[in-house]
Amino acid sequence: MMLVLRLLALCLTLLASAASAVEVKPYAREDMASDAVRLTETLRAQAVTIGAQAKGKTPDDLRKAAAAAAAASKFDDAAKLAAAAVAAAPKDPANWIAYATVAIKADDAQANDRYELVAQGATA
């Protein structure tokens, strides 16, 4: 009788572990994924405009430069530097957060021509 109970417990344990091993798919919205792809391409085009400022710099260097430019209220430069960071490493969430942060700071400062940056920051 004891052996039967142990076998039953083992079967239940194996069954439970097999059920938990099922891959859970993350929630994804196709429209947002498409927006992100389009924004990545837009940011790559923006990053090209600063060429020499971004040359030889790591994404971390670019994020720091973008933060410094935003702190100095140079939001156009900050956006381009953050865009260069995204273009350099689009899969790094820190780069997207840096770009969104520049947009938030531009909006808070009521910067001129901030509307497109704020819309792109929301997508980021």
PDB file of N, CA and C in Angstrom:
ATOM      1  N   MET A   1       0.818  -1.190   0.000  1.00  0.00           N
ATOM      2  CA  MET A   1       0.000   0.000   0.000  1.00  0.00           C
ATOM      3  C   MET A   1       0.865   1.258   0.000  1.00  0.00           C
ATOM      4  N   MET A   2       1.912   1.237   0.812  1.00  0.00           N
ATOM      5  CA  MET A   2       2.810   2.378   0.902  1.00  0.00           C
ATOM      6  C   MET A   2       3.516   2.616  -0.430  1.00  0.00           C
ATOM      7  N   LEU A   3       3.888   1.570  -1.123  1.00  0.00           N
ATOM      8  CA  LEU A   3       4.552   1.669  -2.416  1.00  0.00           C
ATOM      9  C   LEU A   3       3.616   2.310  -3.448  1.00  0.00           C
ATOM     10  N   VAL A   4       2.352   1.954  -3.407  1.00  0.00           N
ATOM     11  CA  VAL A   4       1.366   2.511  -4.333  1.00  0.00           C
ATOM     12  C   VAL A   4       1.215   4.019  -4.097  1.00  0.00           C
ATOM     13  N   LEU A   5       1.187   4.438  -2.839  1.00  0.00           N
ATOM     14  CA  LEU A   5       1.072   5.847  -2.518  1.00  0.00           C
ATOM     15  C   LEU A   5       2.301   6.633  -2.990  1.00  0.00           C
ATOM     16  N   ARG A   6       3.467   6.025  -2.824  1.00  0.00           N
ATOM     17  CA  ARG A   6       4.696   6.685  -3.273  1.00  0.00           C
ATOM     18  C   ARG A   6       4.714   6.811  -4.792  1.00  0.00           C
ATOM     19  N   LEU A   7       4.293   5.776  -5.488  1.00  0.00           N
ATOM     20  CA  LEU A   7       4.229   5.833  -6.954  1.00  0.00           C
ATOM     21  C   LEU A   7       3.222   6.885  -7.411  1.00  0.00           C
ATOM     22  N   LEU A   8       2.095   6.954  -6.742  1.00  0.00           N
ATOM     23  CA  LEU A   8       1.085   7.948  -7.073  1.00  0.00           C
ATOM     24  C   LEU A   8       1.632   9.367  -6.848  1.00  0.00           C
ATOM     25  N   ALA A   9       2.327   9.573  -5.746  1.00  0.00           N
ATOM     26  CA  ALA A   9       2.926  10.877  -5.460  1.00  0.00           C
ATOM     27  C   ALA A   9       3.975  11.235  -6.500  1.00  0.00           C
ATOM     28  N   LEU A  10       4.777  10.272  -6.923  1.00  0.00           N
ATOM     29  CA  LEU A  10       5.791  10.490  -7.946  1.00  0.00           C
ATOM     30  C   LEU A  10       5.142  10.867  -9.269  1.00  0.00           C
ATOM     31  N   CYS A  11       4.077  10.164  -9.636  1.00  0.00           N
ATOM     32  CA  CYS A  11       3.367  10.460 -10.884  1.00  0.00           C
ATOM     33  C   CYS A  11       2.783  11.864 -10.855  1.00  0.00           C
ATOM     34  N   LEU A  12       2.195  12.245  -9.739  1.00  0.00           N
ATOM     35  CA  LEU A  12       1.630  13.584  -9.622  1.00  0.00           C
ATOM     36  C   LEU A  12       2.714  14.657  -9.703  1.00  0.00           C
ATOM     37  N   THR A  13       3.852  14.378  -9.095  1.00  0.00           N
ATOM     38  CA  THR A  13       4.965  15.327  -9.145  1.00  0.00           C
ATOM     39  C   THR A  13       5.471  15.486 -10.569  1.00  0.00           C
ATOM     40  N   LEU A  14       5.641  14.368 -11.287  1.00  0.00           N
ATOM     41  CA  LEU A  14       6.093  14.421 -12.670  1.00  0.00           C
ATOM     42  C   LEU A  14       5.082  15.130 -13.560  1.00  0.00           C
ATOM     43  N   LEU A  15       3.825  14.879 -13.330  1.00  0.00           N
ATOM     44  CA  LEU A  15       2.781  15.516 -14.109  1.00  0.00           C
ATOM     45  C   LEU A  15       2.766  17.023 -13.861  1.00  0.00           C
ATOM     46  N   ALA A  16       2.922  17.424 -12.633  1.00  0.00           N
ATOM     47  CA  ALA A  16       2.942  18.848 -12.289  1.00  0.00           C
ATOM     48  C   ALA A  16       4.157  19.543 -12.898  1.00  0.00           C
ATOM     49  N   SER A  17       5.315  18.881 -12.866  1.00  0.00           N
ATOM     50  CA  SER A  17       6.512  19.495 -13.435  1.00  0.00           C
ATOM     51  C   SER A  17       6.422  19.568 -14.949  1.00  0.00           C
ATOM     52  N   ALA A  18       5.775  18.597 -15.578  1.00  0.00           N
ATOM     53  CA  ALA A  18       5.591  18.634 -17.033  1.00  0.00           C
ATOM     54  C   ALA A  18       4.647  19.768 -17.415  1.00  0.00           C
ATOM     55  N   ALA A  19       3.639  19.990 -16.625  1.00  0.00           N
ATOM     56  CA  ALA A  19       2.691  21.072 -16.901  1.00  0.00           C
ATOM     57  C   ALA A  19       3.353  22.426 -16.750  1.00  0.00           C
ATOM     58  N   SER A  20       4.254  22.569 -15.786  1.00  0.00           N
ATOM     59  CA  SER A  20       4.925  23.849 -15.582  1.00  0.00           C
ATOM     60  C   SER A  20       6.016  24.085 -16.617  1.00  0.00           C
ATOM     61  N   ALA A  21       6.453  23.041 -17.304  1.00  0.00           N
ATOM     62  CA  ALA A  21       7.487  23.174 -18.317  1.00  0.00           C
ATOM     63  C   ALA A  21       6.930  23.680 -19.643  1.00  0.00           C
ATOM     64  N   VAL A  22       5.623  23.776 -19.764  1.00  0.00           N
ATOM     65  CA  VAL A  22       5.011  24.270 -20.983  1.00  0.00           C
ATOM     66  C   VAL A  22       5.440  25.728 -21.174  1.00  0.00           C
ATOM     67  N   GLU A  23       5.864  26.057 -22.383  1.00  0.00           N
ATOM     68  CA  GLU A  23       6.338  27.407 -22.657  1.00  0.00           C
ATOM     69  C   GLU A  23       5.178  28.390 -22.629  1.00  0.00           C
ATOM     70  N   VAL A  24       5.369  29.447 -21.872  1.00  0.00           N
ATOM     71  CA  VAL A  24       4.371  30.494 -21.793  1.00  0.00           C
ATOM     72  C   VAL A  24       4.780  31.594 -22.761  1.00  0.00           C
ATOM     73  N   LYS A  25       3.895  31.918 -23.677  1.00  0.00           N
ATOM     74  CA  LYS A  25       4.203  32.952 -24.645  1.00  0.00           C
ATOM     75  C   LYS A  25       3.912  34.317 -24.036  1.00  0.00           C
ATOM     76  N   PRO A  26       4.838  35.250 -24.234  1.00  0.00           N
ATOM     77  CA  PRO A  26       4.600  36.587 -23.699  1.00  0.00           C
ATOM     78  C   PRO A  26       3.505  37.285 -24.493  1.00  0.00           C
ATOM     79  N   TYR A  27       2.865  38.214 -23.839  1.00  0.00           N
ATOM     80  CA  TYR A  27       1.849  39.012 -24.503  1.00  0.00           C
ATOM     81  C   TYR A  27       2.541  39.949 -25.478  1.00  0.00           C
ATOM     82  N   ALA A  28       2.071  40.014 -26.684  1.00  0.00           N
ATOM     83  CA  ALA A  28       2.665  40.894 -27.680  1.00  0.00           C
ATOM     84  C   ALA A  28       1.562  41.556 -28.501  1.00  0.00           C
ATOM     85  N   ARG A  29       1.768  42.822 -28.809  1.00  0.00           N
ATOM     86  CA  ARG A  29       0.844  43.546 -29.666  1.00  0.00           C
ATOM     87  C   ARG A  29       1.555  43.832 -30.968  1.00  0.00           C
ATOM     88  N   GLU A  30       1.003  43.334 -32.045  1.00  0.00           N
ATOM     89  CA  GLU A  30       1.633  43.482 -33.349  1.00  0.00           C
ATOM     90  C   GLU A  30       1.731  44.944 -33.779  1.00  0.00           C
ATOM     91  N   ASP A  31       0.714  45.747 -33.458  1.00  0.00           N
ATOM     92  CA  ASP A  31       0.764  47.157 -33.858  1.00  0.00           C
ATOM     93  C   ASP A  31       1.914  47.893 -33.166  1.00  0.00           C
ATOM     94  N   MET A  32       2.134  47.565 -31.901  1.00  0.00           N
ATOM     95  CA  MET A  32       3.240  48.204 -31.189  1.00  0.00           C
ATOM     96  C   MET A  32       4.583  47.724 -31.717  1.00  0.00           C
ATOM     97  N   ALA A  33       4.661  46.464 -32.079  1.00  0.00           N
ATOM     98  CA  ALA A  33       5.905  45.934 -32.641  1.00  0.00           C
ATOM     99  C   ALA A  33       6.219  46.629 -33.966  1.00  0.00           C
ATOM    100  N   SER A  34       5.201  46.854 -34.777  1.00  0.00           N
ATOM    101  CA  SER A  34       5.390  47.556 -36.052  1.00  0.00           C
ATOM    102  C   SER A  34       5.825  48.995 -35.820  1.00  0.00           C
ATOM    103  N   ASP A  35       5.219  49.646 -34.836  1.00  0.00           N
ATOM    104  CA  ASP A  35       5.611  51.019 -34.504  1.00  0.00           C
ATOM    105  C   ASP A  35       7.075  51.074 -34.069  1.00  0.00           C
ATOM    106  N   ALA A  36       7.494  50.091 -33.301  1.00  0.00           N
ATOM    107  CA  ALA A  36       8.883  50.054 -32.827  1.00  0.00           C
ATOM    108  C   ALA A  36       9.855  49.881 -33.990  1.00  0.00           C
ATOM    109  N   VAL A  37       9.496  49.041 -34.957  1.00  0.00           N
ATOM    110  CA  VAL A  37      10.364  48.832 -36.126  1.00  0.00           C
ATOM    111  C   VAL A  37      10.471  50.127 -36.923  1.00  0.00           C
ATOM    112  N   ARG A  38       9.334  50.794 -37.137  1.00  0.00           N
ATOM    113  CA  ARG A  38       9.352  52.059 -37.879  1.00  0.00           C
ATOM    114  C   ARG A  38      10.154  53.126 -37.125  1.00  0.00           C
ATOM    115  N   LEU A  39       9.978  53.190 -35.818  1.00  0.00           N
ATOM    116  CA  LEU A  39      10.714  54.173 -35.031  1.00  0.00           C
ATOM    117  C   LEU A  39      12.208  53.888 -35.059  1.00  0.00           C
ATOM    118  N   THR A  40      12.590  52.635 -35.014  1.00  0.00           N
ATOM    119  CA  THR A  40      14.014  52.280 -35.085  1.00  0.00           C
ATOM    120  C   THR A  40      14.627  52.824 -36.366  1.00  0.00           C
ATOM    121  N   GLU A  41      13.922  52.664 -37.479  1.00  0.00           N
ATOM    122  CA  GLU A  41      14.423  53.166 -38.763  1.00  0.00           C
ATOM    123  C   GLU A  41      14.495  54.688 -38.766  1.00  0.00           C
ATOM    124  N   THR A  42      13.502  55.343 -38.195  1.00  0.00           N
ATOM    125  CA  THR A  42      13.506  56.805 -38.101  1.00  0.00           C
ATOM    126  C   THR A  42      14.685  57.277 -37.261  1.00  0.00           C
ATOM    127  N   LEU A  43      14.928  56.602 -36.153  1.00  0.00           N
ATOM    128  CA  LEU A  43      16.036  56.995 -35.279  1.00  0.00           C
ATOM    129  C   LEU A  43      17.385  56.742 -35.929  1.00  0.00           C
ATOM    130  N   ARG A  44      17.478  55.695 -36.728  1.00  0.00           N
ATOM    131  CA  ARG A  44      18.730  55.454 -37.464  1.00  0.00           C
ATOM    132  C   ARG A  44      19.011  56.611 -38.413  1.00  0.00           C
ATOM    133  N   ALA A  45      17.962  57.101 -39.078  1.00  0.00           N
ATOM    134  CA  ALA A  45      18.123  58.234 -39.991  1.00  0.00           C
ATOM    135  C   ALA A  45      18.539  59.489 -39.223  1.00  0.00           C
ATOM    136  N   GLN A  46      17.973  59.705 -38.030  1.00  0.00           N
ATOM    137  CA  GLN A  46      18.355  60.852 -37.208  1.00  0.00           C
ATOM    138  C   GLN A  46      19.801  60.727 -36.736  1.00  0.00           C
ATOM    139  N   ALA A  47      20.199  59.523 -36.395  1.00  0.00           N
ATOM    140  CA  ALA A  47      21.552  59.296 -35.878  1.00  0.00           C
ATOM    141  C   ALA A  47      22.608  59.612 -36.926  1.00  0.00           C
ATOM    142  N   VAL A  48      22.289  59.406 -38.186  1.00  0.00           N
ATOM    143  CA  VAL A  48      23.247  59.676 -39.258  1.00  0.00           C
ATOM    144  C   VAL A  48      23.588  61.162 -39.308  1.00  0.00           C
ATOM    145  N   THR A  49      22.654  62.010 -38.906  1.00  0.00           N
ATOM    146  CA  THR A  49      22.877  63.459 -38.999  1.00  0.00           C
ATOM    147  C   THR A  49      23.927  63.975 -38.018  1.00  0.00           C
ATOM    148  N   ILE A  50      24.275  63.198 -37.009  1.00  0.00           N
ATOM    149  CA  ILE A  50      25.292  63.662 -36.057  1.00  0.00           C
ATOM    150  C   ILE A  50      26.631  62.973 -36.267  1.00  0.00           C
ATOM    151  N   GLY A  51      26.714  62.085 -37.218  1.00  0.00           N
ATOM    152  CA  GLY A  51      27.915  61.367 -37.610  1.00  0.00           C
ATOM    153  C   GLY A  51      29.112  61.439 -36.686  1.00  0.00           C
ATOM    154  N   ALA A  52      29.870  62.530 -36.752  1.00  0.00           N
ATOM    155  CA  ALA A  52      31.128  62.642 -36.019  1.00  0.00           C
ATOM    156  C   ALA A  52      30.927  62.615 -34.502  1.00  0.00           C
ATOM    157  N   GLN A  53      29.807  63.140 -34.018  1.00  0.00           N
ATOM    158  CA  GLN A  53      29.562  63.127 -32.571  1.00  0.00           C
ATOM    159  C   GLN A  53      29.392  61.703 -32.049  1.00  0.00           C
ATOM    160  N   ALA A  54      28.890  60.810 -32.882  1.00  0.00           N
ATOM    161  CA  ALA A  54      28.619  59.445 -32.445  1.00  0.00           C
ATOM    162  C   ALA A  54      29.752  58.477 -32.775  1.00  0.00           C
ATOM    163  N   LYS A  55      30.631  58.878 -33.663  1.00  0.00           N
ATOM    164  CA  LYS A  55      31.678  57.970 -34.128  1.00  0.00           C
ATOM    165  C   LYS A  55      32.591  57.536 -32.983  1.00  0.00           C
ATOM    166  N   GLY A  56      32.746  56.230 -32.851  1.00  0.00           N
ATOM    167  CA  GLY A  56      33.635  55.651 -31.854  1.00  0.00           C
ATOM    168  C   GLY A  56      33.080  55.640 -30.441  1.00  0.00           C
ATOM    169  N   LYS A  57      31.844  56.039 -30.260  1.00  0.00           N
ATOM    170  CA  LYS A  57      31.256  56.057 -28.924  1.00  0.00           C
ATOM    171  C   LYS A  57      30.372  54.837 -28.715  1.00  0.00           C
ATOM    172  N   THR A  58      30.356  54.373 -27.495  1.00  0.00           N
ATOM    173  CA  THR A  58      29.494  53.252 -27.142  1.00  0.00           C
ATOM    174  C   THR A  58      28.078  53.777 -26.890  1.00  0.00           C
ATOM    175  N   PRO A  59      27.087  52.895 -26.915  1.00  0.00           N
ATOM    176  CA  PRO A  59      25.733  53.331 -26.577  1.00  0.00           C
ATOM    177  C   PRO A  59      25.658  53.989 -25.194  1.00  0.00           C
ATOM    178  N   ASP A  60      26.456  53.499 -24.248  1.00  0.00           N
ATOM    179  CA  ASP A  60      26.472  54.097 -22.914  1.00  0.00           C
ATOM    180  C   ASP A  60      26.996  55.533 -22.979  1.00  0.00           C
ATOM    181  N   ASP A  61      28.051  55.763 -23.764  1.00  0.00           N
ATOM    182  CA  ASP A  61      28.584  57.117 -23.942  1.00  0.00           C
ATOM    183  C   ASP A  61      27.524  58.028 -24.563  1.00  0.00           C
ATOM    184  N   LEU A  62      26.817  57.511 -25.538  1.00  0.00           N
ATOM    185  CA  LEU A  62      25.785  58.293 -26.220  1.00  0.00           C
ATOM    186  C   LEU A  62      24.633  58.631 -25.281  1.00  0.00           C
ATOM    187  N   ARG A  63      24.250  57.669 -24.437  1.00  0.00           N
ATOM    188  CA  ARG A  63      23.179  57.935 -23.466  1.00  0.00           C
ATOM    189  C   ARG A  63      23.594  59.031 -22.483  1.00  0.00           C
ATOM    190  N   LYS A  64      24.851  58.954 -22.017  1.00  0.00           N
ATOM    191  CA  LYS A  64      25.350  59.975 -21.089  1.00  0.00           C
ATOM    192  C   LYS A  64      25.398  61.343 -21.752  1.00  0.00           C
ATOM    193  N   ALA A  65      25.831  61.386 -23.006  1.00  0.00           N
ATOM    194  CA  ALA A  65      25.873  62.655 -23.739  1.00  0.00           C
ATOM    195  C   ALA A  65      24.460  63.194 -23.961  1.00  0.00           C
ATOM    196  N   ALA A  66      23.515  62.307 -24.233  1.00  0.00           N
ATOM    197  CA  ALA A  66      22.121  62.724 -24.411  1.00  0.00           C
ATOM    198  C   ALA A  66      21.562  63.287 -23.114  1.00  0.00           C
ATOM    199  N   ALA A  67      21.872  62.663 -22.007  1.00  0.00           N
ATOM    200  CA  ALA A  67      21.401  63.154 -20.706  1.00  0.00           C
ATOM    201  C   ALA A  67      22.000  64.525 -20.401  1.00  0.00           C
ATOM    202  N   ALA A  68      23.276  64.704 -20.712  1.00  0.00           N
ATOM    203  CA  ALA A  68      23.925  65.997 -20.474  1.00  0.00           C
ATOM    204  C   ALA A  68      23.315  67.080 -21.366  1.00  0.00           C
ATOM    205  N   ALA A  69      23.044  66.751 -22.622  1.00  0.00           N
ATOM    206  CA  ALA A  69      22.431  67.721 -23.534  1.00  0.00           C
ATOM    207  C   ALA A  69      21.017  68.075 -23.073  1.00  0.00           C
ATOM    208  N   ALA A  70      20.273  67.095 -22.605  1.00  0.00           N
ATOM    209  CA  ALA A  70      18.920  67.365 -22.100  1.00  0.00           C
ATOM    210  C   ALA A  70      18.975  68.238 -20.858  1.00  0.00           C
ATOM    211  N   ALA A  71      19.949  67.993 -19.990  1.00  0.00           N
ATOM    212  CA  ALA A  71      20.091  68.800 -18.783  1.00  0.00           C
ATOM    213  C   ALA A  71      20.422  70.251 -19.126  1.00  0.00           C
ATOM    214  N   ALA A  72      21.092  70.458 -20.268  1.00  0.00           N
ATOM    215  CA  ALA A  72      21.438  71.801 -20.729  1.00  0.00           C
ATOM    216  C   ALA A  72      20.335  72.384 -21.620  1.00  0.00           C
ATOM    217  N   SER A  73      19.205  71.710 -21.680  1.00  0.00           N
ATOM    218  CA  SER A  73      18.051  72.128 -22.494  1.00  0.00           C
ATOM    219  C   SER A  73      18.351  72.165 -23.993  1.00  0.00           C
ATOM    220  N   LYS A  74      19.286  71.336 -24.431  1.00  0.00           N
ATOM    221  CA  LYS A  74      19.590  71.184 -25.857  1.00  0.00           C
ATOM    222  C   LYS A  74      18.890  69.907 -26.333  1.00  0.00           C
ATOM    223  N   PHE A  75      17.573  69.979 -26.442  1.00  0.00           N
ATOM    224  CA  PHE A  75      16.771  68.787 -26.677  1.00  0.00           C
ATOM    225  C   PHE A  75      16.945  68.205 -28.072  1.00  0.00           C
ATOM    226  N   ASP A  76      17.228  69.058 -29.056  1.00  0.00           N
ATOM    227  CA  ASP A  76      17.460  68.542 -30.403  1.00  0.00           C
ATOM    228  C   ASP A  76      18.712  67.675 -30.422  1.00  0.00           C
ATOM    229  N   ASP A  77      19.782  68.167 -29.805  1.00  0.00           N
ATOM    230  CA  ASP A  77      21.025  67.387 -29.714  1.00  0.00           C
ATOM    231  C   ASP A  77      20.813  66.128 -28.876  1.00  0.00           C
ATOM    232  N   ALA A  78      20.094  66.285 -27.764  1.00  0.00           N
ATOM    233  CA  ALA A  78      19.848  65.145 -26.874  1.00  0.00           C
ATOM    234  C   ALA A  78      19.081  64.052 -27.598  1.00  0.00           C
ATOM    235  N   ALA A  79      18.085  64.451 -28.385  1.00  0.00           N
ATOM    236  CA  ALA A  79      17.287  63.463 -29.124  1.00  0.00           C
ATOM    237  C   ALA A  79      18.146  62.730 -30.141  1.00  0.00           C
ATOM    238  N   LYS A  80      19.019  63.454 -30.825  1.00  0.00           N
ATOM    239  CA  LYS A  80      19.883  62.817 -31.828  1.00  0.00           C
ATOM    240  C   LYS A  80      20.892  61.878 -31.182  1.00  0.00           C
ATOM    241  N   LEU A  81      21.431  62.273 -30.042  1.00  0.00           N
ATOM    242  CA  LEU A  81      22.376  61.399 -29.340  1.00  0.00           C
ATOM    243  C   LEU A  81      21.683  60.140 -28.813  1.00  0.00           C
ATOM    244  N   ALA A  82      20.491  60.309 -28.263  1.00  0.00           N
ATOM    245  CA  ALA A  82      19.729  59.146 -27.793  1.00  0.00           C
ATOM    246  C   ALA A  82      19.327  58.265 -28.973  1.00  0.00           C
ATOM    247  N   ALA A  83      18.994  58.896 -30.102  1.00  0.00           N
ATOM    248  CA  ALA A  83      18.661  58.129 -31.308  1.00  0.00           C
ATOM    249  C   ALA A  83      19.870  57.315 -31.772  1.00  0.00           C
ATOM    250  N   ALA A  84      21.050  57.910 -31.670  1.00  0.00           N
ATOM    251  CA  ALA A  84      22.269  57.180 -32.052  1.00  0.00           C
ATOM    252  C   ALA A  84      22.503  55.984 -31.141  1.00  0.00           C
ATOM    253  N   ALA A  85      22.175  56.126 -29.864  1.00  0.00           N
ATOM    254  CA  ALA A  85      22.309  54.996 -28.932  1.00  0.00           C
ATOM    255  C   ALA A  85      21.354  53.874 -29.331  1.00  0.00           C
ATOM    256  N   VAL A  86      20.122  54.232 -29.665  1.00  0.00           N
ATOM    257  CA  VAL A  86      19.147  53.218 -30.101  1.00  0.00           C
ATOM    258  C   VAL A  86      19.616  52.561 -31.391  1.00  0.00           C
ATOM    259  N   ALA A  87      20.108  53.366 -32.335  1.00  0.00           N
ATOM    260  CA  ALA A  87      20.572  52.823 -33.608  1.00  0.00           C
ATOM    261  C   ALA A  87      21.751  51.874 -33.415  1.00  0.00           C
ATOM    262  N   ALA A  88      22.607  52.184 -32.440  1.00  0.00           N
ATOM    263  CA  ALA A  88      23.777  51.342 -32.184  1.00  0.00           C
ATOM    264  C   ALA A  88      23.408  50.013 -31.546  1.00  0.00           C
ATOM    265  N   ALA A  89      22.406  50.020 -30.685  1.00  0.00           N
ATOM    266  CA  ALA A  89      22.003  48.787 -29.981  1.00  0.00           C
ATOM    267  C   ALA A  89      20.495  48.818 -29.732  1.00  0.00           C
ATOM    268  N   PRO A  90      19.707  48.516 -30.773  1.00  0.00           N
ATOM    269  CA  PRO A  90      18.248  48.627 -30.639  1.00  0.00           C
ATOM    270  C   PRO A  90      17.608  47.621 -29.687  1.00  0.00           C
ATOM    271  N   LYS A  91      18.308  46.575 -29.327  1.00  0.00           N
ATOM    272  CA  LYS A  91      17.719  45.584 -28.420  1.00  0.00           C
ATOM    273  C   LYS A  91      17.999  45.882 -26.950  1.00  0.00           C
ATOM    274  N   ASP A  92      18.758  46.936 -26.687  1.00  0.00           N
ATOM    275  CA  ASP A  92      19.071  47.319 -25.315  1.00  0.00           C
ATOM    276  C   ASP A  92      17.987  48.265 -24.796  1.00  0.00           C
ATOM    277  N   PRO A  93      17.209  47.837 -23.824  1.00  0.00           N
ATOM    278  CA  PRO A  93      16.119  48.691 -23.329  1.00  0.00           C
ATOM    279  C   PRO A  93      16.607  50.002 -22.721  1.00  0.00           C
ATOM    280  N   ALA A  94      17.832  50.057 -22.230  1.00  0.00           N
ATOM    281  CA  ALA A  94      18.358  51.296 -21.643  1.00  0.00           C
ATOM    282  C   ALA A  94      18.389  52.413 -22.684  1.00  0.00           C
ATOM    283  N   ASN A  95      18.652  52.061 -23.935  1.00  0.00           N
ATOM    284  CA  ASN A  95      18.696  53.069 -24.997  1.00  0.00           C
ATOM    285  C   ASN A  95      17.302  53.636 -25.268  1.00  0.00           C
ATOM    286  N   TRP A  96      16.317  52.775 -25.269  1.00  0.00           N
ATOM    287  CA  TRP A  96      14.936  53.223 -25.482  1.00  0.00           C
ATOM    288  C   TRP A  96      14.464  54.086 -24.319  1.00  0.00           C
ATOM    289  N   ILE A  97      14.834  53.703 -23.127  1.00  0.00           N
ATOM    290  CA  ILE A  97      14.461  54.487 -21.946  1.00  0.00           C
ATOM    291  C   ILE A  97      15.129  55.861 -22.000  1.00  0.00           C
ATOM    292  N   ALA A  98      16.377  55.909 -22.441  1.00  0.00           N
ATOM    293  CA  ALA A  98      17.077  57.190 -22.566  1.00  0.00           C
ATOM    294  C   ALA A  98      16.367  58.096 -23.568  1.00  0.00           C
ATOM    295  N   TYR A  99      15.944  57.526 -24.675  1.00  0.00           N
ATOM    296  CA  TYR A  99      15.232  58.323 -25.686  1.00  0.00           C
ATOM    297  C   TYR A  99      13.907  58.833 -25.128  1.00  0.00           C
ATOM    298  N   ALA A 100      13.171  57.973 -24.464  1.00  0.00           N
ATOM    299  CA  ALA A 100      11.894  58.379 -23.866  1.00  0.00           C
ATOM    300  C   ALA A 100      12.109  59.437 -22.793  1.00  0.00           C
ATOM    301  N   THR A 101      13.186  59.330 -22.039  1.00  0.00           N
ATOM    302  CA  THR A 101      13.488  60.308 -20.997  1.00  0.00           C
ATOM    303  C   THR A 101      13.765  61.687 -21.594  1.00  0.00           C
ATOM    304  N   VAL A 102      14.490  61.721 -22.702  1.00  0.00           N
ATOM    305  CA  VAL A 102      14.733  62.999 -23.390  1.00  0.00           C
ATOM    306  C   VAL A 102      13.398  63.617 -23.809  1.00  0.00           C
ATOM    307  N   ALA A 103      12.506  62.797 -24.330  1.00  0.00           N
ATOM    308  CA  ALA A 103      11.195  63.295 -24.754  1.00  0.00           C
ATOM    309  C   ALA A 103      10.409  63.858 -23.572  1.00  0.00           C
ATOM    310  N   ILE A 104      10.449  63.173 -22.455  1.00  0.00           N
ATOM    311  CA  ILE A 104       9.737  63.637 -21.258  1.00  0.00           C
ATOM    312  C   ILE A 104      10.306  64.968 -20.785  1.00  0.00           C
ATOM    313  N   LYS A 105      11.640  65.077 -20.766  1.00  0.00           N
ATOM    314  CA  LYS A 105      12.266  66.318 -20.319  1.00  0.00           C
ATOM    315  C   LYS A 105      11.950  67.468 -21.272  1.00  0.00           C
ATOM    316  N   ALA A 106      11.917  67.191 -22.565  1.00  0.00           N
ATOM    317  CA  ALA A 106      11.566  68.225 -23.547  1.00  0.00           C
ATOM    318  C   ALA A 106      10.127  68.684 -23.345  1.00  0.00           C
ATOM    319  N   ASP A 107       9.251  67.746 -23.060  1.00  0.00           N
ATOM    320  CA  ASP A 107       7.854  68.099 -22.829  1.00  0.00           C
ATOM    321  C   ASP A 107       7.704  68.906 -21.538  1.00  0.00           C
ATOM    322  N   ASP A 108       8.381  68.482 -20.487  1.00  0.00           N
ATOM    323  CA  ASP A 108       8.326  69.206 -19.216  1.00  0.00           C
ATOM    324  C   ASP A 108       8.846  70.633 -19.352  1.00  0.00           C
ATOM    325  N   ALA A 109       9.857  70.822 -20.211  1.00  0.00           N
ATOM    326  CA  ALA A 109      10.456  72.132 -20.401  1.00  0.00           C
ATOM    327  C   ALA A 109       9.693  72.967 -21.428  1.00  0.00           C
ATOM    328  N   GLN A 110       8.635  72.393 -21.988  1.00  0.00           N
ATOM    329  CA  GLN A 110       7.860  73.092 -23.021  1.00  0.00           C
ATOM    330  C   GLN A 110       8.762  73.527 -24.186  1.00  0.00           C
ATOM    331  N   ALA A 111       9.686  72.646 -24.578  1.00  0.00           N
ATOM    332  CA  ALA A 111      10.632  72.956 -25.643  1.00  0.00           C
ATOM    333  C   ALA A 111       9.909  73.139 -26.973  1.00  0.00           C
ATOM    334  N   ASN A 112      10.474  74.014 -27.811  1.00  0.00           N
ATOM    335  CA  ASN A 112       9.921  74.204 -29.151  1.00  0.00           C
ATOM    336  C   ASN A 112      10.066  72.908 -29.943  1.00  0.00           C
ATOM    337  N   ASP A 113       9.153  72.667 -30.836  1.00  0.00           N
ATOM    338  CA  ASP A 113       9.189  71.488 -31.722  1.00  0.00           C
ATOM    339  C   ASP A 113       9.288  70.179 -30.957  1.00  0.00           C
ATOM    340  N   ARG A 114       8.663  70.105 -29.808  1.00  0.00           N
ATOM    341  CA  ARG A 114       8.752  68.906 -28.984  1.00  0.00           C
ATOM    342  C   ARG A 114       7.705  67.853 -29.331  1.00  0.00           C
ATOM    343  N   TYR A 115       6.694  68.210 -30.100  1.00  0.00           N
ATOM    344  CA  TYR A 115       5.544  67.330 -30.289  1.00  0.00           C
ATOM    345  C   TYR A 115       5.909  66.010 -30.961  1.00  0.00           C
ATOM    346  N   GLU A 116       6.718  66.065 -32.007  1.00  0.00           N
ATOM    347  CA  GLU A 116       7.136  64.820 -32.664  1.00  0.00           C
ATOM    348  C   GLU A 116       8.023  63.998 -31.738  1.00  0.00           C
ATOM    349  N   LEU A 117       8.909  64.669 -31.024  1.00  0.00           N
ATOM    350  CA  LEU A 117       9.775  63.973 -30.066  1.00  0.00           C
ATOM    351  C   LEU A 117       8.959  63.296 -28.984  1.00  0.00           C
ATOM    352  N   VAL A 118       7.943  63.964 -28.485  1.00  0.00           N
ATOM    353  CA  VAL A 118       7.094  63.381 -27.437  1.00  0.00           C
ATOM    354  C   VAL A 118       6.333  62.171 -27.988  1.00  0.00           C
ATOM    355  N   ALA A 119       5.828  62.269 -29.212  1.00  0.00           N
ATOM    356  CA  ALA A 119       5.118  61.132 -29.818  1.00  0.00           C
ATOM    357  C   ALA A 119       6.067  59.946 -29.996  1.00  0.00           C
ATOM    358  N   GLN A 120       7.272  60.220 -30.458  1.00  0.00           N
ATOM    359  CA  GLN A 120       8.253  59.137 -30.620  1.00  0.00           C
ATOM    360  C   GLN A 120       8.691  58.589 -29.266  1.00  0.00           C
ATOM    361  N   GLY A 121       8.800  59.470 -28.271  1.00  0.00           N
ATOM    362  CA  GLY A 121       9.165  59.022 -26.929  1.00  0.00           C
ATOM    363  C   GLY A 121       8.128  58.101 -26.348  1.00  0.00           C
ATOM    364  N   ALA A 122       6.858  58.368 -26.632  1.00  0.00           N
ATOM    365  CA  ALA A 122       5.783  57.483 -26.159  1.00  0.00           C
ATOM    366  C   ALA A 122       5.898  56.110 -26.807  1.00  0.00           C
ATOM    367  N   THR A 123       6.259  56.069 -28.062  1.00  0.00           N
ATOM    368  CA  THR A 123       6.460  54.778 -28.734  1.00  0.00           C
ATOM    369  C   THR A 123       7.661  54.059 -28.157  1.00  0.00           C
ATOM    370  N   ALA A 124       8.730  54.827 -27.888  1.00  0.00           N
ATOM    371  CA  ALA A 124       9.933  54.227 -27.300  1.00  0.00           C
ATOM    372  C   ALA A 124       9.595  53.598 -25.961  1.00  0.00           C
TER     373      ALA A 124
END
